[in-house]
Amino acid sequence: VGTWEMYKVEKQELRLDSLTLNPPQSFTSMVWYDQTSSMANEQTIDFNDDLTFDSFYAGVPISAGTWDALNDSTFTLSFSSTGSGEWSDITTDYTLTVHCDNTMSVAYLIAPPAGNHEHQGADWHYVAYFRTPGSLECDDLIDYYVQ
């Protein structure tokens, strides 16, 4: 409950490992990249006592919904409108994990990169990390994909 600001974003992307010309063939891998923008802390989420949340970018409302506890440290998010309000085009499952009193992450599936590659059928992920404003995140309790 309260306001949380984004501070880090990690996303799986496609990496070209090698390319052969005869025959034309590419070899790729799925890798995690740090996608944190210099404006990351402009995105905030307000969690309310009535199990609702509101998401903002630079103070402008961008989405809203409800949240529910799975256990003491894992929660789910459900957006109240489909389409532009949701963060993912392919899933309605968002998992929020609390790492310590002032740090949490929200993970969800994203669409695979375009193109014909051997990882087309794999699950691709996005993880956004949030902290309470003005605090330091508890990095020692989080296994980041990108260090």
N, C-alpha and C. Protein backbone atom coordinates (compact mmCIF):
# COMPACT_ATOMS: atom_id res chain seq x y z
N VAL A 1 0.85 -1.17 0.00
CA VAL A 1 0.00 0.00 0.00
C VAL A 1 0.90 1.23 0.00
N GLY A 2 0.54 2.21 -0.81
CA GLY A 2 1.36 3.42 -0.92
C GLY A 2 1.85 3.62 -2.34
N THR A 3 2.74 4.59 -2.50
CA THR A 3 3.28 4.93 -3.81
C THR A 3 4.63 4.26 -4.02
N TRP A 4 4.85 3.76 -5.22
CA TRP A 4 6.09 3.10 -5.61
C TRP A 4 6.56 3.71 -6.93
N GLU A 5 7.89 3.93 -7.05
CA GLU A 5 8.44 4.47 -8.30
C GLU A 5 9.35 3.43 -8.95
N MET A 6 9.29 3.38 -10.29
CA MET A 6 10.14 2.46 -11.04
C MET A 6 11.58 2.95 -10.97
N TYR A 7 12.53 1.99 -10.89
CA TYR A 7 13.94 2.37 -10.94
C TYR A 7 14.77 1.52 -11.88
N LYS A 8 14.24 0.38 -12.33
CA LYS A 8 15.02 -0.50 -13.21
C LYS A 8 14.06 -1.34 -14.05
N VAL A 9 14.48 -1.64 -15.30
CA VAL A 9 13.70 -2.47 -16.20
C VAL A 9 14.64 -3.48 -16.85
N GLU A 10 14.22 -4.75 -16.84
CA GLU A 10 14.97 -5.79 -17.53
C GLU A 10 14.03 -6.49 -18.50
N LYS A 11 14.56 -6.79 -19.69
CA LYS A 11 13.71 -7.34 -20.74
C LYS A 11 14.50 -8.36 -21.55
N GLN A 12 13.84 -9.45 -21.92
CA GLN A 12 14.48 -10.42 -22.80
C GLN A 12 14.36 -9.95 -24.24
N GLU A 13 15.47 -10.05 -24.96
CA GLU A 13 15.50 -9.67 -26.36
C GLU A 13 16.28 -10.70 -27.15
N LEU A 14 16.19 -10.59 -28.46
CA LEU A 14 16.87 -11.49 -29.37
C LEU A 14 18.25 -10.92 -29.71
N ARG A 15 19.28 -11.77 -29.63
CA ARG A 15 20.63 -11.34 -29.98
C ARG A 15 21.13 -12.19 -31.14
N LEU A 16 21.69 -11.54 -32.14
CA LEU A 16 22.29 -12.24 -33.27
C LEU A 16 23.68 -12.69 -32.84
N ASP A 17 23.89 -14.00 -32.76
CA ASP A 17 25.18 -14.53 -32.33
C ASP A 17 26.14 -14.70 -33.50
N SER A 18 25.63 -15.19 -34.62
CA SER A 18 26.48 -15.34 -35.81
C SER A 18 25.59 -15.43 -37.05
N LEU A 19 26.23 -15.22 -38.18
CA LEU A 19 25.53 -15.21 -39.46
C LEU A 19 26.41 -15.89 -40.48
N THR A 20 25.84 -16.80 -41.25
CA THR A 20 26.59 -17.43 -42.34
C THR A 20 25.97 -16.99 -43.65
N LEU A 21 26.79 -16.89 -44.68
CA LEU A 21 26.31 -16.43 -45.98
C LEU A 21 25.98 -17.57 -46.92
N ASN A 22 26.64 -18.70 -46.77
CA ASN A 22 26.41 -19.80 -47.70
C ASN A 22 26.26 -21.10 -46.93
N PRO A 23 25.06 -21.57 -46.68
CA PRO A 23 23.78 -20.96 -47.02
C PRO A 23 23.45 -19.83 -46.04
N PRO A 24 22.58 -18.90 -46.43
CA PRO A 24 22.19 -17.80 -45.52
C PRO A 24 21.50 -18.36 -44.28
N GLN A 25 22.10 -18.12 -43.13
CA GLN A 25 21.56 -18.67 -41.90
C GLN A 25 22.02 -17.80 -40.73
N SER A 26 21.12 -17.56 -39.80
CA SER A 26 21.50 -16.79 -38.62
C SER A 26 21.33 -17.66 -37.38
N PHE A 27 22.14 -17.40 -36.39
CA PHE A 27 22.08 -18.10 -35.11
C PHE A 27 21.86 -17.04 -34.04
N THR A 28 20.81 -17.23 -33.27
CA THR A 28 20.41 -16.22 -32.29
C THR A 28 20.28 -16.84 -30.90
N SER A 29 20.20 -15.98 -29.91
CA SER A 29 19.96 -16.43 -28.54
C SER A 29 19.04 -15.43 -27.84
N MET A 30 18.38 -15.91 -26.79
CA MET A 30 17.54 -15.06 -25.95
C MET A 30 18.43 -14.53 -24.83
N VAL A 31 18.49 -13.22 -24.67
CA VAL A 31 19.32 -12.64 -23.63
C VAL A 31 18.53 -11.57 -22.88
N TRP A 32 18.94 -11.32 -21.64
CA TRP A 32 18.36 -10.25 -20.84
C TRP A 32 19.16 -8.98 -21.04
N TYR A 33 18.46 -7.87 -21.23
CA TYR A 33 19.10 -6.56 -21.36
C TYR A 33 18.50 -5.61 -20.33
N ASP A 34 19.33 -4.69 -19.89
CA ASP A 34 18.85 -3.62 -19.02
C ASP A 34 18.21 -2.57 -19.93
N GLN A 35 16.92 -2.35 -19.77
CA GLN A 35 16.16 -1.41 -20.59
C GLN A 35 15.76 -0.17 -19.80
N THR A 36 16.48 0.11 -18.73
CA THR A 36 16.13 1.22 -17.86
C THR A 36 16.35 2.55 -18.56
N SER A 37 15.31 3.34 -18.61
CA SER A 37 15.36 4.67 -19.19
C SER A 37 15.81 5.67 -18.13
N SER A 38 16.36 6.78 -18.58
CA SER A 38 16.71 7.84 -17.63
C SER A 38 15.45 8.44 -17.01
N MET A 39 14.30 8.16 -17.60
CA MET A 39 13.02 8.67 -17.09
C MET A 39 12.24 7.57 -16.35
N ALA A 40 12.89 6.47 -16.00
CA ALA A 40 12.20 5.34 -15.37
C ALA A 40 11.43 5.75 -14.13
N ASN A 41 12.00 6.62 -13.31
CA ASN A 41 11.32 6.97 -12.05
C ASN A 41 10.09 7.86 -12.27
N GLU A 42 9.79 8.22 -13.51
CA GLU A 42 8.57 8.95 -13.81
C GLU A 42 7.34 8.04 -13.77
N GLN A 43 7.56 6.71 -13.86
CA GLN A 43 6.44 5.78 -13.78
C GLN A 43 6.25 5.38 -12.32
N THR A 44 5.04 5.57 -11.81
CA THR A 44 4.72 5.23 -10.43
C THR A 44 3.43 4.43 -10.37
N ILE A 45 3.28 3.71 -9.27
CA ILE A 45 2.05 2.96 -9.00
C ILE A 45 1.61 3.30 -7.59
N ASP A 46 0.35 3.61 -7.45
CA ASP A 46 -0.26 3.83 -6.13
C ASP A 46 -1.14 2.64 -5.81
N PHE A 47 -0.83 1.95 -4.70
CA PHE A 47 -1.66 0.84 -4.24
C PHE A 47 -2.54 1.34 -3.10
N ASN A 48 -3.82 1.03 -3.19
CA ASN A 48 -4.80 1.53 -2.23
C ASN A 48 -5.29 0.42 -1.30
N ASP A 49 -5.79 0.81 -0.12
CA ASP A 49 -6.31 -0.14 0.88
C ASP A 49 -7.47 -0.97 0.36
N ASP A 50 -8.22 -0.46 -0.60
CA ASP A 50 -9.38 -1.19 -1.11
C ASP A 50 -9.02 -2.19 -2.21
N LEU A 51 -7.72 -2.56 -2.31
CA LEU A 51 -7.18 -3.52 -3.27
C LEU A 51 -7.27 -3.04 -4.71
N THR A 52 -7.22 -1.73 -4.92
CA THR A 52 -7.12 -1.15 -6.26
C THR A 52 -5.74 -0.51 -6.42
N PHE A 53 -5.37 -0.26 -7.66
CA PHE A 53 -4.12 0.46 -7.93
C PHE A 53 -4.33 1.40 -9.09
N ASP A 54 -3.49 2.43 -9.15
CA ASP A 54 -3.47 3.39 -10.24
C ASP A 54 -2.03 3.54 -10.68
N SER A 55 -1.79 3.50 -11.99
CA SER A 55 -0.46 3.65 -12.56
C SER A 55 -0.37 5.00 -13.25
N PHE A 56 0.77 5.68 -13.07
CA PHE A 56 0.96 7.03 -13.59
C PHE A 56 2.29 7.12 -14.33
N TYR A 57 2.34 8.02 -15.30
CA TYR A 57 3.61 8.41 -15.91
C TYR A 57 3.68 9.93 -15.82
N ALA A 58 4.68 10.42 -15.12
CA ALA A 58 4.86 11.86 -14.88
C ALA A 58 3.59 12.48 -14.30
N GLY A 59 2.95 11.73 -13.41
CA GLY A 59 1.75 12.23 -12.75
C GLY A 59 0.47 12.09 -13.53
N VAL A 60 0.55 11.60 -14.78
CA VAL A 60 -0.63 11.43 -15.63
C VAL A 60 -1.12 9.99 -15.51
N PRO A 61 -2.40 9.77 -15.19
CA PRO A 61 -2.91 8.39 -15.08
C PRO A 61 -2.81 7.65 -16.42
N ILE A 62 -2.27 6.41 -16.38
CA ILE A 62 -2.18 5.61 -17.61
C ILE A 62 -2.95 4.30 -17.51
N SER A 63 -3.17 3.80 -16.30
CA SER A 63 -3.94 2.57 -16.14
C SER A 63 -4.37 2.42 -14.70
N ALA A 64 -5.28 1.48 -14.49
CA ALA A 64 -5.80 1.21 -13.15
C ALA A 64 -6.27 -0.23 -13.10
N GLY A 65 -6.50 -0.72 -11.90
CA GLY A 65 -6.99 -2.08 -11.75
C GLY A 65 -7.07 -2.50 -10.31
N THR A 66 -7.02 -3.81 -10.11
CA THR A 66 -7.09 -4.37 -8.76
C THR A 66 -5.87 -5.24 -8.51
N TRP A 67 -5.57 -5.46 -7.23
CA TRP A 67 -4.47 -6.34 -6.85
C TRP A 67 -4.97 -7.30 -5.79
N ASP A 68 -4.31 -8.45 -5.69
CA ASP A 68 -4.72 -9.48 -4.75
C ASP A 68 -3.49 -10.24 -4.29
N ALA A 69 -3.50 -10.71 -3.05
CA ALA A 69 -2.36 -11.44 -2.48
C ALA A 69 -2.45 -12.93 -2.79
N LEU A 70 -1.33 -13.51 -3.27
CA LEU A 70 -1.21 -14.96 -3.40
C LEU A 70 -0.62 -15.53 -2.11
N ASN A 71 0.34 -14.80 -1.54
CA ASN A 71 0.93 -15.13 -0.24
C ASN A 71 1.53 -13.84 0.31
N ASP A 72 2.37 -13.94 1.34
CA ASP A 72 2.90 -12.73 1.99
C ASP A 72 3.82 -11.89 1.11
N SER A 73 4.40 -12.48 0.06
CA SER A 73 5.34 -11.72 -0.75
C SER A 73 5.02 -11.70 -2.24
N THR A 74 3.97 -12.39 -2.66
CA THR A 74 3.61 -12.45 -4.08
C THR A 74 2.16 -12.04 -4.27
N PHE A 75 1.94 -11.17 -5.25
CA PHE A 75 0.62 -10.62 -5.50
C PHE A 75 0.34 -10.66 -7.00
N THR A 76 -0.92 -10.51 -7.37
CA THR A 76 -1.29 -10.42 -8.78
C THR A 76 -1.92 -9.07 -9.06
N LEU A 77 -1.78 -8.61 -10.29
CA LEU A 77 -2.40 -7.38 -10.74
C LEU A 77 -3.38 -7.71 -11.86
N SER A 78 -4.52 -7.06 -11.88
CA SER A 78 -5.49 -7.19 -12.97
C SER A 78 -5.90 -5.78 -13.38
N PHE A 79 -5.76 -5.49 -14.66
CA PHE A 79 -6.12 -4.16 -15.15
C PHE A 79 -7.62 -4.09 -15.38
N SER A 80 -8.20 -2.92 -15.12
CA SER A 80 -9.65 -2.78 -15.21
C SER A 80 -10.14 -2.54 -16.63
N SER A 81 -9.22 -2.20 -17.55
CA SER A 81 -9.62 -2.05 -18.95
C SER A 81 -8.62 -2.79 -19.82
N THR A 82 -9.10 -3.35 -20.90
CA THR A 82 -8.21 -4.07 -21.81
C THR A 82 -7.70 -3.11 -22.87
N GLY A 83 -6.61 -3.50 -23.48
CA GLY A 83 -6.05 -2.67 -24.55
C GLY A 83 -4.98 -1.74 -24.05
N SER A 84 -5.15 -0.46 -24.28
CA SER A 84 -4.07 0.51 -24.03
C SER A 84 -3.71 0.64 -22.56
N GLY A 85 -4.60 0.28 -21.63
CA GLY A 85 -4.29 0.41 -20.22
C GLY A 85 -3.37 -0.67 -19.70
N GLU A 86 -3.38 -1.84 -20.35
CA GLU A 86 -2.53 -2.93 -19.90
C GLU A 86 -1.10 -2.73 -20.37
N TRP A 87 -0.17 -3.35 -19.67
CA TRP A 87 1.24 -3.22 -20.03
C TRP A 87 1.66 -4.23 -21.08
N SER A 88 0.97 -5.37 -21.15
CA SER A 88 1.32 -6.42 -22.10
C SER A 88 0.16 -6.67 -23.05
N ASP A 89 0.50 -6.90 -24.31
CA ASP A 89 -0.53 -7.21 -25.31
C ASP A 89 -0.91 -8.68 -25.32
N ILE A 90 -0.11 -9.54 -24.66
CA ILE A 90 -0.36 -10.98 -24.80
C ILE A 90 -0.77 -11.68 -23.50
N THR A 91 -0.80 -11.00 -22.38
CA THR A 91 -1.16 -11.68 -21.14
C THR A 91 -1.93 -10.76 -20.21
N THR A 92 -2.71 -11.37 -19.34
CA THR A 92 -3.37 -10.61 -18.28
C THR A 92 -2.79 -11.01 -16.93
N ASP A 93 -1.73 -11.83 -16.96
CA ASP A 93 -1.08 -12.30 -15.73
C ASP A 93 0.15 -11.45 -15.41
N TYR A 94 0.06 -10.71 -14.32
CA TYR A 94 1.15 -9.87 -13.84
C TYR A 94 1.46 -10.30 -12.42
N THR A 95 2.72 -10.66 -12.17
CA THR A 95 3.11 -11.12 -10.85
C THR A 95 3.97 -10.07 -10.18
N LEU A 96 3.52 -9.62 -9.02
CA LEU A 96 4.23 -8.63 -8.22
C LEU A 96 4.90 -9.36 -7.07
N THR A 97 6.22 -9.20 -6.92
CA THR A 97 6.96 -9.85 -5.85
C THR A 97 7.59 -8.78 -4.96
N VAL A 98 7.34 -8.87 -3.67
CA VAL A 98 7.94 -7.96 -2.71
C VAL A 98 9.27 -8.56 -2.26
N HIS A 99 10.35 -7.81 -2.43
CA HIS A 99 11.69 -8.29 -2.07
C HIS A 99 12.10 -7.85 -0.67
N CYS A 100 11.61 -6.70 -0.23
CA CYS A 100 11.83 -6.18 1.11
C CYS A 100 10.81 -5.07 1.34
N ASP A 101 10.88 -4.39 2.45
CA ASP A 101 9.87 -3.38 2.78
C ASP A 101 9.72 -2.27 1.75
N ASN A 102 10.77 -1.97 1.01
CA ASN A 102 10.71 -0.85 0.09
C ASN A 102 11.02 -1.20 -1.36
N THR A 103 11.07 -2.49 -1.72
CA THR A 103 11.42 -2.88 -3.09
C THR A 103 10.53 -4.03 -3.56
N MET A 104 10.02 -3.88 -4.79
CA MET A 104 9.20 -4.93 -5.39
C MET A 104 9.49 -4.99 -6.89
N SER A 105 9.03 -6.07 -7.52
CA SER A 105 9.14 -6.19 -8.98
C SER A 105 7.80 -6.66 -9.54
N VAL A 106 7.56 -6.29 -10.79
CA VAL A 106 6.38 -6.75 -11.52
C VAL A 106 6.89 -7.44 -12.77
N ALA A 107 6.54 -8.72 -12.94
CA ALA A 107 6.99 -9.51 -14.09
C ALA A 107 5.79 -9.93 -14.92
N TYR A 108 6.00 -9.95 -16.24
CA TYR A 108 4.94 -10.41 -17.14
C TYR A 108 5.52 -10.81 -18.49
N LEU A 109 4.70 -11.50 -19.28
CA LEU A 109 5.10 -11.95 -20.61
C LEU A 109 4.92 -10.84 -21.63
N ILE A 110 5.80 -10.84 -22.63
CA ILE A 110 5.70 -9.91 -23.75
C ILE A 110 5.74 -10.71 -25.05
N ALA A 111 5.36 -10.08 -26.14
CA ALA A 111 5.38 -10.74 -27.45
C ALA A 111 6.82 -11.00 -27.88
N PRO A 112 7.06 -12.12 -28.56
CA PRO A 112 8.42 -12.39 -29.04
C PRO A 112 8.81 -11.38 -30.11
N PRO A 113 10.12 -11.17 -30.29
CA PRO A 113 10.57 -10.26 -31.34
C PRO A 113 10.11 -10.74 -32.72
N ALA A 114 9.91 -9.80 -33.60
CA ALA A 114 9.48 -10.13 -34.96
C ALA A 114 10.58 -10.88 -35.69
N GLY A 115 10.19 -11.60 -36.69
CA GLY A 115 11.16 -12.29 -37.52
C GLY A 115 11.05 -13.79 -37.38
N ASN A 116 11.76 -14.47 -38.24
CA ASN A 116 11.77 -15.92 -38.25
C ASN A 116 13.01 -16.40 -37.50
N HIS A 117 12.82 -16.83 -36.25
CA HIS A 117 13.95 -17.30 -35.46
C HIS A 117 13.51 -18.51 -34.64
N GLU A 118 14.49 -19.24 -34.14
CA GLU A 118 14.21 -20.50 -33.44
C GLU A 118 13.59 -20.32 -32.06
N HIS A 119 13.48 -19.10 -31.57
CA HIS A 119 12.92 -18.85 -30.24
C HIS A 119 11.49 -18.29 -30.30
N GLN A 120 10.87 -18.38 -31.46
CA GLN A 120 9.54 -17.79 -31.67
C GLN A 120 8.51 -18.36 -30.70
N GLY A 121 8.59 -19.64 -30.36
CA GLY A 121 7.62 -20.27 -29.48
C GLY A 121 7.94 -20.16 -28.00
N ALA A 122 9.04 -19.50 -27.63
CA ALA A 122 9.45 -19.39 -26.23
C ALA A 122 8.70 -18.26 -25.53
N ASP A 123 8.66 -18.32 -24.21
CA ASP A 123 8.10 -17.22 -23.42
C ASP A 123 9.16 -16.13 -23.27
N TRP A 124 8.76 -14.89 -23.54
CA TRP A 124 9.63 -13.72 -23.42
C TRP A 124 9.13 -12.89 -22.26
N HIS A 125 10.03 -12.38 -21.44
CA HIS A 125 9.65 -11.72 -20.18
C HIS A 125 10.13 -10.28 -20.09
N TYR A 126 9.44 -9.55 -19.23
CA TYR A 126 9.73 -8.16 -18.89
C TYR A 126 9.59 -8.05 -17.38
N VAL A 127 10.56 -7.43 -16.72
CA VAL A 127 10.49 -7.23 -15.28
C VAL A 127 10.79 -5.77 -14.97
N ALA A 128 9.86 -5.13 -14.29
CA ALA A 128 10.04 -3.74 -13.84
C ALA A 128 10.22 -3.76 -12.34
N TYR A 129 11.20 -3.01 -11.84
CA TYR A 129 11.50 -2.95 -10.42
C TYR A 129 11.07 -1.59 -9.87
N PHE A 130 10.44 -1.62 -8.70
CA PHE A 130 9.92 -0.42 -8.07
C PHE A 130 10.45 -0.32 -6.63
N ARG A 131 10.55 0.90 -6.14
CA ARG A 131 10.94 1.16 -4.75
C ARG A 131 10.05 2.28 -4.22
N THR A 132 10.01 2.41 -2.92
CA THR A 132 9.28 3.53 -2.37
C THR A 132 10.09 4.80 -2.65
N PRO A 133 9.44 5.89 -3.02
CA PRO A 133 10.16 7.12 -3.39
C PRO A 133 11.12 7.59 -2.28
N GLY A 134 12.31 7.97 -2.71
CA GLY A 134 13.31 8.49 -1.77
C GLY A 134 14.08 7.43 -1.02
N SER A 135 13.85 6.14 -1.33
CA SER A 135 14.55 5.07 -0.62
C SER A 135 15.57 4.40 -1.55
N LEU A 136 16.44 3.59 -0.96
CA LEU A 136 17.37 2.77 -1.72
C LEU A 136 16.82 1.36 -1.79
N GLU A 137 16.86 0.78 -2.97
CA GLU A 137 16.36 -0.58 -3.15
C GLU A 137 17.27 -1.58 -2.45
N CYS A 138 16.72 -2.74 -2.10
CA CYS A 138 17.49 -3.77 -1.38
C CYS A 138 18.13 -4.72 -2.40
N ASP A 139 19.15 -4.23 -3.11
CA ASP A 139 19.81 -4.98 -4.17
C ASP A 139 20.35 -6.34 -3.72
N ASP A 140 20.77 -6.45 -2.48
CA ASP A 140 21.36 -7.71 -1.99
C ASP A 140 20.32 -8.82 -1.89
N LEU A 141 19.04 -8.51 -1.94
CA LEU A 141 17.98 -9.52 -1.85
C LEU A 141 17.36 -9.86 -3.21
N ILE A 142 17.87 -9.27 -4.28
CA ILE A 142 17.30 -9.45 -5.61
C ILE A 142 18.32 -10.09 -6.53
N ASP A 143 17.90 -11.12 -7.25
CA ASP A 143 18.74 -11.73 -8.27
C ASP A 143 18.39 -11.10 -9.61
N TYR A 144 19.01 -9.97 -9.92
CA TYR A 144 18.76 -9.31 -11.20
C TYR A 144 19.24 -10.21 -12.33
N TYR A 145 18.58 -10.11 -13.47
CA TYR A 145 19.04 -10.84 -14.65
C TYR A 145 20.25 -10.16 -15.26
N VAL A 146 20.29 -8.82 -15.17
CA VAL A 146 21.41 -8.03 -15.68
C VAL A 146 22.05 -7.33 -14.51
N GLN A 147 23.33 -7.54 -14.30
CA GLN A 147 24.03 -6.92 -13.15
C GLN A 147 24.57 -5.57 -13.50
